[in-house]
């Protein structure tokens, strides 16, 4: 299998390392506008400045796309039309409409695999939480409460396109909060139909949001809360799932920045009549981030064995993007400003 990588920043390089570590596949070409990003590549890898040239001119079987939001849907569409299996990082597109157009194209190529990089699903703590929820040992979900935040709109290794609506499509909710929304959907299996939100950009004063405060209710009565923030001075990832017989708390997550704390999973088993607010609790800590490797393995296994993509499919991506758009529009002032 011949592999191409469109966008060779931090994520593109991480994907390259994982491909080399876990497969016999060969990265034969990359596209990257920054010459410093690919100065250490071996001479047998072709380098293109534009992702369109990479897709059009390189002979590829698979492509990994880690481009700015405004290019994502176009890169996926062009790859499919060139008969290339595609893996695209989140967010899957700048807007929901762009992604719907991608699906129309994808329907014409059912033999190809298309997957989106909702990488948090492949963290060991999340996989364990999913297993416990699906086993029903703690009963059905009552509610979920999530906080995911960082201290800036632009991290040290990023460019400023994330602060420009015409290039990014949205701010902290679309850039980072989308991971938490995906996990809420993934762990609960719920479709959220009733949504209230406050969307704000009062601190950093960009034309994209730096805070999103969200309250949602599903058709089955499950309630979810989310605070997605770029004013979280101490970086935080925390997701608490309350069930009928206890709680599951995902705290911290292993990332490249190592700024979100230790990745832990707390399992709380409750019997209110006996424990009187002090339930039995166990904590597991995960010291190694295998999510990138496991995600690569999953995608390539689906290609090799012609399996349906069930974790990070185009339908997953559309549902999560639909939820993002509904959250934006649920704030009347934000809707009037950007969607009227």
Protein backbone atom coordinates (compact mmCIF):
# COMPACT_ATOMS: atom_id res chain seq x y z
CA UNK A 1 0.00 0.00 0.00
CA UNK A 2 1.31 3.43 -1.01
CA UNK A 3 0.47 6.16 1.49
CA UNK A 4 0.35 9.93 1.13
CA UNK A 5 0.10 12.53 3.88
CA UNK A 6 -1.54 15.89 3.13
CA UNK A 7 -0.28 18.36 5.72
CA UNK A 8 2.96 17.52 7.50
CA UNK A 9 2.69 19.40 10.77
CA UNK A 10 2.59 17.82 14.23
CA UNK A 11 -0.37 15.55 13.43
CA UNK A 12 0.90 14.54 9.99
CA UNK A 13 4.25 13.58 11.47
CA UNK A 14 2.54 11.64 14.26
CA UNK A 15 0.54 9.68 11.69
CA UNK A 16 3.72 8.99 9.71
CA UNK A 17 5.50 7.62 12.79
CA UNK A 18 2.52 5.39 13.61
CA UNK A 19 2.33 4.05 10.05
CA UNK A 20 6.02 3.12 10.15
CA UNK A 21 5.65 1.54 13.59
CA UNK A 22 2.52 -0.51 12.94
CA UNK A 23 2.44 -1.40 9.24
CA UNK A 24 4.53 -2.49 6.31
CA UNK A 25 3.00 0.29 4.22
CA UNK A 26 5.20 2.93 2.62
CA UNK A 27 4.71 6.69 2.83
CA UNK A 28 5.67 7.68 -0.70
CA UNK A 29 4.62 11.33 -0.81
CA UNK A 30 3.58 14.27 1.34
CA UNK A 31 2.31 17.79 0.76
CA UNK A 32 3.39 20.69 2.97
CA UNK A 33 3.86 24.41 2.30
CA UNK A 34 6.38 24.90 5.13
CA UNK A 35 9.82 23.75 3.91
CA UNK A 36 11.11 23.40 7.48
CA UNK A 37 8.46 20.76 8.21
CA UNK A 38 9.82 18.25 5.73
CA UNK A 39 13.55 19.03 5.71
CA UNK A 40 14.43 15.74 7.44
CA UNK A 41 12.39 13.45 5.18
CA UNK A 42 14.20 10.73 3.28
CA UNK A 43 14.96 11.43 -0.37
CA UNK A 44 12.66 8.65 -1.62
CA UNK A 45 9.55 10.53 -0.45
CA UNK A 46 8.09 12.92 -3.02
CA UNK A 47 7.26 16.37 -1.70
CA UNK A 48 4.48 18.61 -3.01
CA UNK A 49 3.59 22.12 -1.91
CA UNK A 50 -0.11 21.71 -2.67
CA UNK A 51 -2.38 18.87 -1.55
CA UNK A 52 -4.13 18.94 -4.92
CA UNK A 53 -0.88 18.08 -6.66
CA UNK A 54 -0.23 15.30 -4.16
CA UNK A 55 -3.62 13.73 -4.86
CA UNK A 56 -3.42 14.25 -8.61
CA UNK A 57 0.18 13.29 -9.32
CA UNK A 58 1.30 10.80 -6.68
CA UNK A 59 0.31 7.16 -7.06
CA UNK A 60 -1.51 6.52 -3.78
CA UNK A 61 -3.68 3.81 -2.27
CA UNK A 62 -4.32 5.64 1.02
CA UNK A 63 -4.16 9.27 2.10
CA UNK A 64 -4.04 10.82 5.57
CA UNK A 65 -5.36 14.37 5.58
CA UNK A 66 -4.26 16.80 8.31
CA UNK A 67 -4.95 20.12 6.66
CA UNK A 68 -6.60 23.33 7.90
CA UNK A 69 -10.39 23.09 8.10
CA UNK A 70 -11.05 25.01 4.90
CA UNK A 71 -9.26 22.36 2.82
CA UNK A 72 -10.51 19.19 4.52
CA UNK A 73 -13.68 18.45 2.55
CA UNK A 74 -12.06 19.27 -0.80
CA UNK A 75 -9.09 17.02 -0.08
CA UNK A 76 -11.36 14.11 0.86
CA UNK A 77 -13.56 14.60 -2.21
CA UNK A 78 -10.59 14.75 -4.60
CA UNK A 79 -9.05 11.65 -3.00
CA UNK A 80 -12.23 9.62 -3.38
CA UNK A 81 -12.51 10.64 -7.01
CA UNK A 82 -8.93 9.39 -7.53
CA UNK A 83 -9.91 6.02 -6.00
CA UNK A 84 -7.91 6.56 -2.80
CA UNK A 85 -8.90 5.39 0.69
CA UNK A 86 -9.07 8.49 2.91
CA UNK A 87 -8.49 9.23 6.57
CA UNK A 88 -9.23 12.84 7.59
CA UNK A 89 -8.52 14.51 10.93
CA UNK A 90 -11.19 16.38 12.86
CA UNK A 91 -13.02 18.63 12.34
CA UNK A 92 -14.25 16.79 9.26
CA UNK A 93 -15.12 20.00 7.42
CA UNK A 94 -15.57 23.72 7.93
CA UNK A 95 -19.36 23.40 7.83
CA UNK A 96 -22.05 20.73 7.89
CA UNK A 97 -23.05 21.48 4.30
CA UNK A 98 -19.52 20.79 3.10
CA UNK A 99 -19.59 17.40 4.80
CA UNK A 100 -22.99 16.48 3.36
CA UNK A 101 -21.53 17.10 -0.11
CA UNK A 102 -18.65 14.76 0.73
CA UNK A 103 -21.10 12.00 1.62
CA UNK A 104 -22.86 12.37 -1.74
CA UNK A 105 -19.52 11.81 -3.46
CA UNK A 106 -18.60 8.94 -1.14
CA UNK A 107 -21.78 7.07 -2.04
CA UNK A 108 -20.37 6.70 -5.56
CA UNK A 109 -17.31 4.84 -4.23
CA UNK A 110 -18.61 2.13 -1.86
CA UNK A 111 -15.45 0.06 -2.30
CA UNK A 112 -13.36 2.76 -0.63
CA UNK A 113 -12.92 3.36 3.10
CA UNK A 114 -13.39 6.82 4.58
CA UNK A 115 -12.66 7.48 8.24
CA UNK A 116 -12.49 10.60 10.39
CA UNK A 117 -9.99 11.07 13.19
CA UNK A 118 -12.04 11.33 16.36
CA UNK A 119 -8.92 10.12 18.11
CA UNK A 120 -10.24 10.29 21.68
CA UNK A 121 -12.43 7.23 21.04
CA UNK A 122 -9.25 5.15 20.92
CA UNK A 123 -7.83 6.19 24.28
CA UNK A 124 -7.72 3.23 26.67
CA UNK A 125 -9.72 5.05 29.35
CA UNK A 126 -12.51 5.79 26.86
CA UNK A 127 -12.55 2.22 25.55
CA UNK A 128 -12.87 0.89 29.10
CA UNK A 129 -15.64 3.39 29.90
CA UNK A 130 -17.51 2.33 26.75
CA UNK A 131 -17.20 -1.33 27.71
CA UNK A 132 -18.63 -0.70 31.20
CA UNK A 133 -21.52 1.35 29.85
CA UNK A 134 -22.38 -1.23 27.21
CA UNK A 135 -22.29 -4.05 29.79
CA UNK A 136 -25.11 -2.32 31.70
CA UNK A 137 -23.54 -3.25 35.07
CA UNK A 138 -24.15 0.31 36.30
CA UNK A 139 -27.52 0.65 34.61
CA UNK A 140 -28.65 3.24 32.12
CA UNK A 141 -27.15 6.70 31.70
CA UNK A 142 -28.89 9.57 33.50
CA UNK A 143 -26.65 12.46 32.51
CA UNK A 144 -23.20 13.48 31.28
CA UNK A 145 -21.11 16.51 32.26
CA UNK A 146 -18.02 17.49 30.29
CA UNK A 147 -15.39 20.22 30.46
CA UNK A 148 -12.68 20.50 27.83
CA UNK A 149 -10.56 23.61 27.83
CA UNK A 150 -7.23 25.18 27.08
CA UNK A 151 -5.75 28.59 27.73
CA UNK A 152 -5.38 29.95 24.20
CA UNK A 153 -7.00 29.95 20.79
CA UNK A 154 -3.64 29.32 19.15
CA UNK A 155 -1.12 26.92 20.66
CA UNK A 156 2.64 27.41 20.36
CA UNK A 157 2.94 25.18 17.30
CA UNK A 158 -0.09 26.47 15.38
CA UNK A 159 -0.84 29.24 12.91
CA UNK A 160 -3.62 31.79 13.27
CA UNK A 161 -6.11 30.39 10.75
CA UNK A 162 -8.03 28.94 13.71
CA UNK A 163 -9.08 32.47 14.70
CA UNK A 164 -10.45 33.36 11.27
CA UNK A 165 -14.02 32.24 10.67
CA UNK A 166 -13.69 32.20 6.89
CA UNK A 167 -10.86 29.67 7.22
CA UNK A 168 -11.84 27.65 10.28
CA UNK A 169 -15.66 27.73 10.34
CA UNK A 170 -15.68 28.05 14.12
CA UNK A 171 -13.62 28.44 17.27
CA UNK A 172 -12.93 26.37 20.36
CA UNK A 173 -16.12 24.30 20.06
CA UNK A 174 -15.29 23.16 16.54
CA UNK A 175 -11.56 22.86 17.13
CA UNK A 176 -11.47 21.06 20.50
CA UNK A 177 -14.97 20.77 21.94
CA UNK A 178 -15.95 18.58 18.99
CA UNK A 179 -13.95 15.77 20.63
CA UNK A 180 -16.10 15.99 23.77
CA UNK A 181 -19.31 16.16 21.76
CA UNK A 182 -18.24 13.06 19.86
CA UNK A 183 -17.51 11.23 23.12
CA UNK A 184 -20.88 12.23 24.56
CA UNK A 185 -22.57 10.81 21.46
CA UNK A 186 -20.32 7.73 21.38
CA UNK A 187 -20.63 6.76 25.05
CA UNK A 188 -24.34 7.51 25.40
CA UNK A 189 -25.58 6.39 21.99
CA UNK A 190 -28.05 9.26 22.25
CA UNK A 191 -29.36 11.77 19.74
CA UNK A 192 -29.76 15.21 21.33
CA UNK A 193 -32.77 17.12 20.07
CA UNK A 194 -33.31 19.88 22.64
CA UNK A 195 -30.38 22.28 22.96
CA UNK A 196 -29.66 25.50 24.85
CA UNK A 197 -26.39 27.38 24.51
CA UNK A 198 -24.43 30.54 25.22
CA UNK A 199 -21.68 31.16 22.66
CA UNK A 200 -19.15 33.84 23.57
CA UNK A 201 -16.03 35.49 22.19
CA UNK A 202 -15.71 38.27 24.75
CA UNK A 203 -12.18 37.52 25.99
CA UNK A 204 -9.90 36.88 23.00
CA UNK A 205 -12.09 39.05 20.73
CA UNK A 206 -11.68 36.98 17.59
CA UNK A 207 -14.63 36.40 15.26
CA UNK A 208 -14.82 32.80 16.50
CA UNK A 209 -15.98 31.64 19.92
CA UNK A 210 -13.62 31.30 22.87
CA UNK A 211 -16.30 29.72 25.12
CA UNK A 212 -19.36 27.58 24.49
CA UNK A 213 -21.73 26.68 27.32
CA UNK A 214 -24.13 23.93 26.30
CA UNK A 215 -27.11 22.09 27.82
CA UNK A 216 -28.72 19.29 25.80
CA UNK A 217 -31.48 16.72 26.25
CA UNK A 218 -31.99 13.60 24.17
CA UNK A 219 -35.27 12.12 22.97
CA UNK A 220 -34.80 9.45 25.68
CA UNK A 221 -34.44 12.03 28.45
CA UNK A 222 -30.64 11.88 28.88
CA UNK A 223 -29.20 15.30 29.73
CA UNK A 224 -25.68 16.41 28.76
CA UNK A 225 -23.72 19.50 29.72
CA UNK A 226 -20.57 20.79 28.02
CA UNK A 227 -18.24 23.69 28.62
CA UNK A 228 -15.77 24.11 25.77
CA UNK A 229 -13.28 26.83 26.63
CA UNK A 230 -10.22 28.74 25.46
CA UNK A 231 -10.00 30.53 28.82
CA UNK A 232 -9.24 27.44 30.89
CA UNK A 233 -5.92 28.63 32.31
CA UNK A 234 -5.08 25.21 33.67
CA UNK A 235 -5.87 22.86 30.80
CA UNK A 236 -8.67 20.44 31.62
CA UNK A 237 -10.35 17.34 30.28
CA UNK A 238 -13.09 15.87 32.44
CA UNK A 239 -16.18 13.86 31.53
CA UNK A 240 -18.50 12.47 34.18
CA UNK A 241 -21.15 9.94 33.20
CA UNK A 242 -23.85 9.37 35.82
CA UNK A 243 -25.70 6.09 35.61
CA UNK A 244 -28.44 4.44 37.68
CA UNK A 245 -26.00 2.51 39.89
CA UNK A 246 -22.93 4.70 39.88
CA UNK A 247 -20.69 6.98 37.87
CA UNK A 248 -17.79 6.82 35.45
CA UNK A 249 -15.37 9.76 35.49
CA UNK A 250 -12.82 10.30 32.74
CA UNK A 251 -10.22 12.71 34.10
CA UNK A 252 -7.24 14.00 32.17
CA UNK A 253 -6.14 12.72 28.80
CA UNK A 254 -2.73 11.93 27.34
CA UNK A 255 -1.86 14.36 24.56
CA UNK A 256 1.27 15.59 22.85
CA UNK A 257 1.34 18.70 25.04
CA UNK A 258 1.04 16.60 28.24
CA UNK A 259 -0.85 19.53 29.76
CA UNK A 260 -4.17 17.83 30.57
CA UNK A 261 -2.91 15.78 33.48
CA UNK A 262 -2.73 12.05 34.05
CA UNK A 263 -5.31 10.00 32.17
CA UNK A 264 -7.53 8.27 34.70
CA UNK A 265 -10.81 6.40 34.90
CA UNK A 266 -12.75 6.42 38.15
CA UNK A 267 -15.52 3.89 38.60
CA UNK A 268 -17.99 4.74 41.35
CA UNK A 269 -20.49 2.10 42.49
CA UNK A 270 -23.32 3.58 44.50
CA UNK A 271 -25.93 2.26 46.91
CA UNK A 272 -27.48 5.45 48.36
CA UNK A 273 -29.23 3.64 51.22
CA UNK A 274 -25.96 2.13 52.48
CA UNK A 275 -23.07 4.38 51.44
CA UNK A 276 -24.77 7.70 52.34
CA UNK A 277 -22.86 9.70 49.76
CA UNK A 278 -19.52 7.89 50.20
CA UNK A 279 -19.69 5.13 47.58
CA UNK A 280 -17.14 2.50 46.61
CA UNK A 281 -14.60 3.92 44.21
CA UNK A 282 -11.73 2.53 42.14
CA UNK A 283 -9.30 4.47 39.96
CA UNK A 284 -7.27 3.25 37.01
CA UNK A 285 -4.42 5.28 35.54
CA UNK A 286 -3.21 5.01 31.96
CA UNK A 287 0.43 5.93 31.44
CA UNK A 288 0.79 5.29 27.72
CA UNK A 289 -1.08 6.87 24.83
CA UNK A 290 -1.76 4.09 22.33
CA UNK A 291 -4.69 5.87 20.70
CA UNK A 292 -2.80 6.92 17.58
CA UNK A 293 -1.48 3.40 16.99
CA UNK A 294 -4.81 1.71 17.68
CA UNK A 295 -6.66 4.13 15.41
CA UNK A 296 -4.24 3.43 12.55
CA UNK A 297 -4.58 -0.31 13.10
CA UNK A 298 -8.37 -0.07 13.11
CA UNK A 299 -8.51 1.90 9.86
CA UNK A 300 -6.07 -0.32 8.01
CA UNK A 301 -7.78 -3.48 9.28
CA UNK A 302 -11.04 -2.18 7.80
CA UNK A 303 -9.28 -1.66 4.48
CA UNK A 304 -7.50 -5.01 4.46
CA UNK A 305 -10.57 -7.03 5.45
CA UNK A 306 -13.21 -4.86 3.79
CA UNK A 307 -14.93 -4.10 7.10
CA UNK A 308 -17.45 -1.34 7.72
CA UNK A 309 -16.01 1.74 9.46
CA UNK A 310 -17.99 1.91 12.72
CA UNK A 311 -15.77 4.26 14.76
CA UNK A 312 -15.32 7.56 12.97
CA UNK A 313 -17.52 6.94 9.94
CA UNK A 314 -18.89 9.64 7.64
CA UNK A 315 -22.24 9.24 9.42
CA UNK A 316 -20.54 9.77 12.81
CA UNK A 317 -18.91 12.89 11.44
CA UNK A 318 -22.16 14.26 10.03
CA UNK A 319 -24.08 13.66 13.26
CA UNK A 320 -21.41 15.40 15.33
CA UNK A 321 -21.15 18.32 12.90
CA UNK A 322 -24.93 18.58 12.92
CA UNK A 323 -24.78 18.83 16.71
CA UNK A 324 -22.11 21.54 16.50
CA UNK A 325 -24.25 23.57 14.13
CA UNK A 326 -27.36 23.17 16.31
CA UNK A 327 -25.36 24.43 19.30
CA UNK A 328 -24.22 27.51 17.40
CA UNK A 329 -27.77 28.25 16.28
CA UNK A 330 -29.27 27.64 19.73
CA UNK A 331 -27.82 30.95 20.92
CA UNK A 332 -30.16 33.56 19.36
CA UNK A 333 -27.51 36.31 19.21
CA UNK A 334 -24.87 34.02 17.70
CA UNK A 335 -27.37 32.70 15.17
CA UNK A 336 -28.37 36.22 14.16
CA UNK A 337 -24.75 37.30 13.79
CA UNK A 338 -23.44 34.37 11.77
CA UNK A 339 -26.39 32.45 10.33
CA UNK A 340 -28.96 35.09 9.37
